[in-house]
Amino acid sequence: MNESLPLALAWLAGLALGAIFYGGLWWTVSRGLSSKQPAFWFLGSMLLRMGMVLAGFYLVAAQHLGRLLPCLIGFVMARLVVTRMTGTRPVQEARHAP
């Protein structure tokens, strides 16, 4: 059987998991910063996002550990896509005190 189709599907699953994880993180930060109870948003979101991603990786692996690498590559690629779409940039360290 052709092994490229399951690997491609694992990569797509990684993209979807990453989009859910990092898109959810962006949504949580934007919602949590203006909330009266930010700890609720951040903790609840972290538990939900981590649970979904761990379950997704578990289902993708399903007795085929070779599918984890394409899934992880898709997950990391989704971070780049979400970062570019939301217009956020990594925080740069200050070179001097203000």
N, C-alpha and C. Protein backbone atom coordinates (compact mmCIF):
# COMPACT_ATOMS: atom_id res chain seq x y z
N MET A 1 0.84 -1.19 0.00
CA MET A 1 0.00 0.00 0.00
C MET A 1 0.88 1.24 0.00
N ASN A 2 0.41 2.26 -0.64
CA ASN A 2 1.14 3.51 -0.74
C ASN A 2 1.18 4.20 0.62
N GLU A 3 2.38 4.51 1.11
CA GLU A 3 2.53 5.10 2.44
C GLU A 3 2.47 6.62 2.41
N SER A 4 2.50 7.25 1.25
CA SER A 4 2.51 8.71 1.19
C SER A 4 1.16 9.32 1.57
N LEU A 5 0.05 8.66 1.30
CA LEU A 5 -1.25 9.21 1.66
C LEU A 5 -1.43 9.31 3.18
N PRO A 6 -1.13 8.28 3.97
CA PRO A 6 -1.26 8.45 5.42
C PRO A 6 -0.32 9.51 5.99
N LEU A 7 0.87 9.66 5.39
CA LEU A 7 1.78 10.70 5.86
C LEU A 7 1.26 12.08 5.53
N ALA A 8 0.68 12.23 4.34
CA ALA A 8 0.09 13.52 3.96
C ALA A 8 -1.10 13.86 4.86
N LEU A 9 -1.90 12.85 5.18
CA LEU A 9 -3.04 13.10 6.08
C LEU A 9 -2.57 13.44 7.49
N ALA A 10 -1.48 12.83 7.92
CA ALA A 10 -0.92 13.17 9.23
C ALA A 10 -0.41 14.61 9.24
N TRP A 11 0.20 15.04 8.14
CA TRP A 11 0.66 16.42 8.02
C TRP A 11 -0.51 17.40 8.06
N LEU A 12 -1.60 17.07 7.34
CA LEU A 12 -2.79 17.92 7.37
C LEU A 12 -3.42 17.95 8.76
N ALA A 13 -3.40 16.82 9.44
CA ALA A 13 -3.92 16.80 10.81
C ALA A 13 -3.07 17.68 11.72
N GLY A 14 -1.76 17.67 11.51
CA GLY A 14 -0.88 18.54 12.28
C GLY A 14 -1.16 20.00 12.02
N LEU A 15 -1.41 20.34 10.75
CA LEU A 15 -1.79 21.72 10.42
C LEU A 15 -3.08 22.12 11.14
N ALA A 16 -4.06 21.24 11.12
CA ALA A 16 -5.33 21.53 11.78
C ALA A 16 -5.15 21.67 13.29
N LEU A 17 -4.40 20.76 13.89
CA LEU A 17 -4.16 20.83 15.33
C LEU A 17 -3.41 22.11 15.70
N GLY A 18 -2.42 22.47 14.90
CA GLY A 18 -1.69 23.69 15.16
C GLY A 18 -2.55 24.93 15.00
N ALA A 19 -3.41 24.94 13.99
CA ALA A 19 -4.30 26.08 13.80
C ALA A 19 -5.25 26.22 14.98
N ILE A 20 -5.76 25.11 15.47
CA ILE A 20 -6.64 25.16 16.65
C ILE A 20 -5.88 25.63 17.87
N PHE A 21 -4.68 25.10 18.07
CA PHE A 21 -3.90 25.44 19.26
C PHE A 21 -3.48 26.91 19.25
N TYR A 22 -2.82 27.34 18.17
CA TYR A 22 -2.29 28.70 18.14
C TYR A 22 -3.37 29.73 17.87
N GLY A 23 -4.39 29.38 17.11
CA GLY A 23 -5.53 30.28 16.95
C GLY A 23 -6.27 30.46 18.27
N GLY A 24 -6.41 29.37 19.01
CA GLY A 24 -7.03 29.46 20.33
C GLY A 24 -6.20 30.27 21.31
N LEU A 25 -4.89 30.17 21.21
CA LEU A 25 -4.01 30.96 22.06
C LEU A 25 -4.16 32.44 21.75
N TRP A 26 -4.19 32.79 20.48
CA TRP A 26 -4.37 34.19 20.09
C TRP A 26 -5.72 34.71 20.60
N TRP A 27 -6.77 33.92 20.44
CA TRP A 27 -8.09 34.32 20.90
C TRP A 27 -8.11 34.49 22.41
N THR A 28 -7.45 33.58 23.13
CA THR A 28 -7.41 33.65 24.59
C THR A 28 -6.68 34.89 25.07
N VAL A 29 -5.57 35.21 24.46
CA VAL A 29 -4.82 36.40 24.88
C VAL A 29 -5.64 37.65 24.62
N SER A 30 -6.28 37.74 23.47
CA SER A 30 -7.07 38.93 23.18
C SER A 30 -8.28 39.03 24.10
N ARG A 31 -8.86 37.92 24.48
CA ARG A 31 -10.02 37.92 25.37
C ARG A 31 -9.60 38.06 26.83
N GLY A 32 -8.52 37.40 27.20
CA GLY A 32 -8.10 37.37 28.60
C GLY A 32 -7.54 38.69 29.10
N LEU A 33 -6.90 39.45 28.23
CA LEU A 33 -6.31 40.71 28.67
C LEU A 33 -7.36 41.75 29.07
N SER A 34 -8.55 41.66 28.52
CA SER A 34 -9.59 42.62 28.85
C SER A 34 -10.62 42.05 29.82
N SER A 35 -10.37 40.88 30.35
CA SER A 35 -11.32 40.22 31.25
C SER A 35 -11.05 40.58 32.70
N LYS A 36 -12.10 40.48 33.51
CA LYS A 36 -11.95 40.69 34.95
C LYS A 36 -11.33 39.47 35.62
N GLN A 37 -11.43 38.32 34.98
CA GLN A 37 -10.86 37.08 35.50
C GLN A 37 -9.94 36.44 34.46
N PRO A 38 -8.77 37.03 34.23
CA PRO A 38 -7.90 36.49 33.19
C PRO A 38 -7.36 35.10 33.52
N ALA A 39 -7.20 34.78 34.79
CA ALA A 39 -6.67 33.46 35.15
C ALA A 39 -7.61 32.35 34.68
N PHE A 40 -8.91 32.60 34.76
CA PHE A 40 -9.90 31.64 34.29
C PHE A 40 -9.72 31.38 32.80
N TRP A 41 -9.56 32.43 32.02
CA TRP A 41 -9.41 32.29 30.57
C TRP A 41 -8.12 31.56 30.22
N PHE A 42 -7.02 31.98 30.84
CA PHE A 42 -5.73 31.39 30.48
C PHE A 42 -5.62 29.93 30.92
N LEU A 43 -6.04 29.62 32.12
CA LEU A 43 -5.97 28.25 32.61
C LEU A 43 -6.94 27.33 31.86
N GLY A 44 -8.17 27.79 31.70
CA GLY A 44 -9.15 26.98 30.99
C GLY A 44 -8.77 26.74 29.54
N SER A 45 -8.27 27.78 28.89
CA SER A 45 -7.85 27.64 27.50
C SER A 45 -6.66 26.69 27.38
N MET A 46 -5.70 26.82 28.29
CA MET A 46 -4.52 25.95 28.22
C MET A 46 -4.93 24.48 28.37
N LEU A 47 -5.79 24.20 29.34
CA LEU A 47 -6.22 22.82 29.55
C LEU A 47 -6.99 22.29 28.34
N LEU A 48 -7.87 23.09 27.78
CA LEU A 48 -8.65 22.66 26.63
C LEU A 48 -7.76 22.47 25.40
N ARG A 49 -6.90 23.44 25.12
CA ARG A 49 -6.03 23.34 23.94
C ARG A 49 -5.06 22.17 24.06
N MET A 50 -4.44 22.00 25.23
CA MET A 50 -3.50 20.89 25.40
C MET A 50 -4.21 19.54 25.31
N GLY A 51 -5.39 19.45 25.89
CA GLY A 51 -6.15 18.20 25.80
C GLY A 51 -6.49 17.84 24.37
N MET A 52 -6.91 18.84 23.59
CA MET A 52 -7.26 18.58 22.20
C MET A 52 -6.04 18.17 21.38
N VAL A 53 -4.92 18.84 21.59
CA VAL A 53 -3.72 18.53 20.82
C VAL A 53 -3.16 17.17 21.20
N LEU A 54 -3.13 16.86 22.48
CA LEU A 54 -2.63 15.55 22.90
C LEU A 54 -3.52 14.43 22.37
N ALA A 55 -4.82 14.62 22.43
CA ALA A 55 -5.73 13.61 21.88
C ALA A 55 -5.54 13.48 20.37
N GLY A 56 -5.35 14.60 19.69
CA GLY A 56 -5.12 14.57 18.25
C GLY A 56 -3.84 13.84 17.88
N PHE A 57 -2.76 14.12 18.60
CA PHE A 57 -1.50 13.42 18.32
C PHE A 57 -1.65 11.92 18.63
N TYR A 58 -2.37 11.59 19.67
CA TYR A 58 -2.59 10.19 20.00
C TYR A 58 -3.35 9.48 18.89
N LEU A 59 -4.39 10.13 18.37
CA LEU A 59 -5.17 9.52 17.29
C LEU A 59 -4.36 9.41 16.00
N VAL A 60 -3.54 10.41 15.71
CA VAL A 60 -2.73 10.35 14.50
C VAL A 60 -1.71 9.21 14.60
N ALA A 61 -1.11 9.05 15.76
CA ALA A 61 -0.09 8.01 15.93
C ALA A 61 -0.71 6.62 15.79
N ALA A 62 -1.84 6.37 16.40
CA ALA A 62 -2.60 5.12 16.31
C ALA A 62 -1.78 3.92 15.86
N GLN A 63 -0.79 3.56 16.63
CA GLN A 63 0.07 2.41 16.41
C GLN A 63 1.01 2.59 15.22
N HIS A 64 1.16 3.81 14.73
CA HIS A 64 2.09 4.10 13.64
C HIS A 64 2.90 5.34 14.05
N LEU A 65 3.98 5.11 14.78
CA LEU A 65 4.76 6.23 15.29
C LEU A 65 5.42 7.05 14.19
N GLY A 66 5.57 6.50 13.01
CA GLY A 66 6.15 7.23 11.90
C GLY A 66 5.31 8.40 11.43
N ARG A 67 4.05 8.41 11.79
CA ARG A 67 3.16 9.50 11.40
C ARG A 67 3.28 10.72 12.32
N LEU A 68 3.97 10.56 13.44
CA LEU A 68 4.10 11.69 14.36
C LEU A 68 4.98 12.81 13.80
N LEU A 69 6.01 12.46 13.08
CA LEU A 69 6.91 13.49 12.55
C LEU A 69 6.20 14.41 11.54
N PRO A 70 5.47 13.88 10.55
CA PRO A 70 4.75 14.80 9.66
C PRO A 70 3.68 15.61 10.40
N CYS A 71 3.09 15.00 11.40
CA CYS A 71 2.09 15.72 12.19
C CYS A 71 2.74 16.87 12.95
N LEU A 72 3.90 16.62 13.53
CA LEU A 72 4.61 17.66 14.25
C LEU A 72 5.09 18.77 13.31
N ILE A 73 5.54 18.40 12.13
CA ILE A 73 5.95 19.40 11.14
C ILE A 73 4.77 20.28 10.75
N GLY A 74 3.60 19.69 10.54
CA GLY A 74 2.40 20.47 10.24
C GLY A 74 2.01 21.36 11.39
N PHE A 75 2.18 20.87 12.62
CA PHE A 75 1.86 21.66 13.81
C PHE A 75 2.73 22.90 13.89
N VAL A 76 4.02 22.75 13.64
CA VAL A 76 4.95 23.88 13.68
C VAL A 76 4.68 24.83 12.52
N MET A 77 4.36 24.30 11.35
CA MET A 77 4.05 25.16 10.21
C MET A 77 2.79 25.99 10.48
N ALA A 78 1.84 25.42 11.20
CA ALA A 78 0.63 26.17 11.53
C ALA A 78 0.94 27.36 12.42
N ARG A 79 1.96 27.22 13.27
CA ARG A 79 2.37 28.35 14.11
C ARG A 79 2.83 29.51 13.24
N LEU A 80 3.61 29.21 12.21
CA LEU A 80 4.08 30.25 11.32
C LEU A 80 2.92 30.91 10.58
N VAL A 81 1.96 30.11 10.14
CA VAL A 81 0.81 30.64 9.41
C VAL A 81 -0.05 31.52 10.32
N VAL A 82 -0.35 31.05 11.52
CA VAL A 82 -1.19 31.82 12.44
C VAL A 82 -0.48 33.10 12.86
N THR A 83 0.82 33.03 13.08
CA THR A 83 1.58 34.23 13.45
C THR A 83 1.52 35.25 12.32
N ARG A 84 1.66 34.80 11.10
CA ARG A 84 1.61 35.72 9.97
C ARG A 84 0.20 36.29 9.77
N MET A 85 -0.82 35.46 9.95
CA MET A 85 -2.19 35.92 9.74
C MET A 85 -2.65 36.91 10.80
N THR A 86 -2.21 36.72 12.03
CA THR A 86 -2.64 37.62 13.10
C THR A 86 -1.79 38.87 13.19
N GLY A 87 -0.68 38.91 12.48
CA GLY A 87 0.16 40.09 12.47
C GLY A 87 1.00 40.26 13.72
N THR A 88 1.10 39.22 14.53
CA THR A 88 1.91 39.31 15.74
C THR A 88 3.34 38.92 15.42
N ARG A 89 4.24 39.50 16.16
CA ARG A 89 5.65 39.19 16.00
C ARG A 89 6.20 38.77 17.34
N PRO A 90 7.22 37.92 17.34
CA PRO A 90 7.85 37.57 18.61
C PRO A 90 8.41 38.81 19.29
N VAL A 91 8.35 38.83 20.61
CA VAL A 91 8.84 39.96 21.38
C VAL A 91 10.37 39.97 21.31
N GLN A 92 10.90 41.14 20.99
CA GLN A 92 12.35 41.26 20.93
C GLN A 92 12.86 41.82 22.26
N GLU A 93 13.96 41.31 22.68
CA GLU A 93 14.55 41.73 23.93
C GLU A 93 15.12 43.14 23.80
N ALA A 94 14.90 43.96 24.82
CA ALA A 94 15.42 45.32 24.80
C ALA A 94 16.94 45.29 24.96
N ARG A 95 17.61 46.16 24.23
CA ARG A 95 19.07 46.20 24.30
C ARG A 95 19.56 47.12 25.40
N HIS A 96 18.70 47.98 25.88
CA HIS A 96 19.09 48.89 26.94
C HIS A 96 17.89 49.23 27.80
N ALA A 97 18.15 49.76 28.97
CA ALA A 97 17.07 50.14 29.86
C ALA A 97 16.47 51.46 29.37
N PRO A 98 15.15 51.65 29.52
CA PRO A 98 14.55 52.91 29.07
C PRO A 98 14.93 54.08 29.93
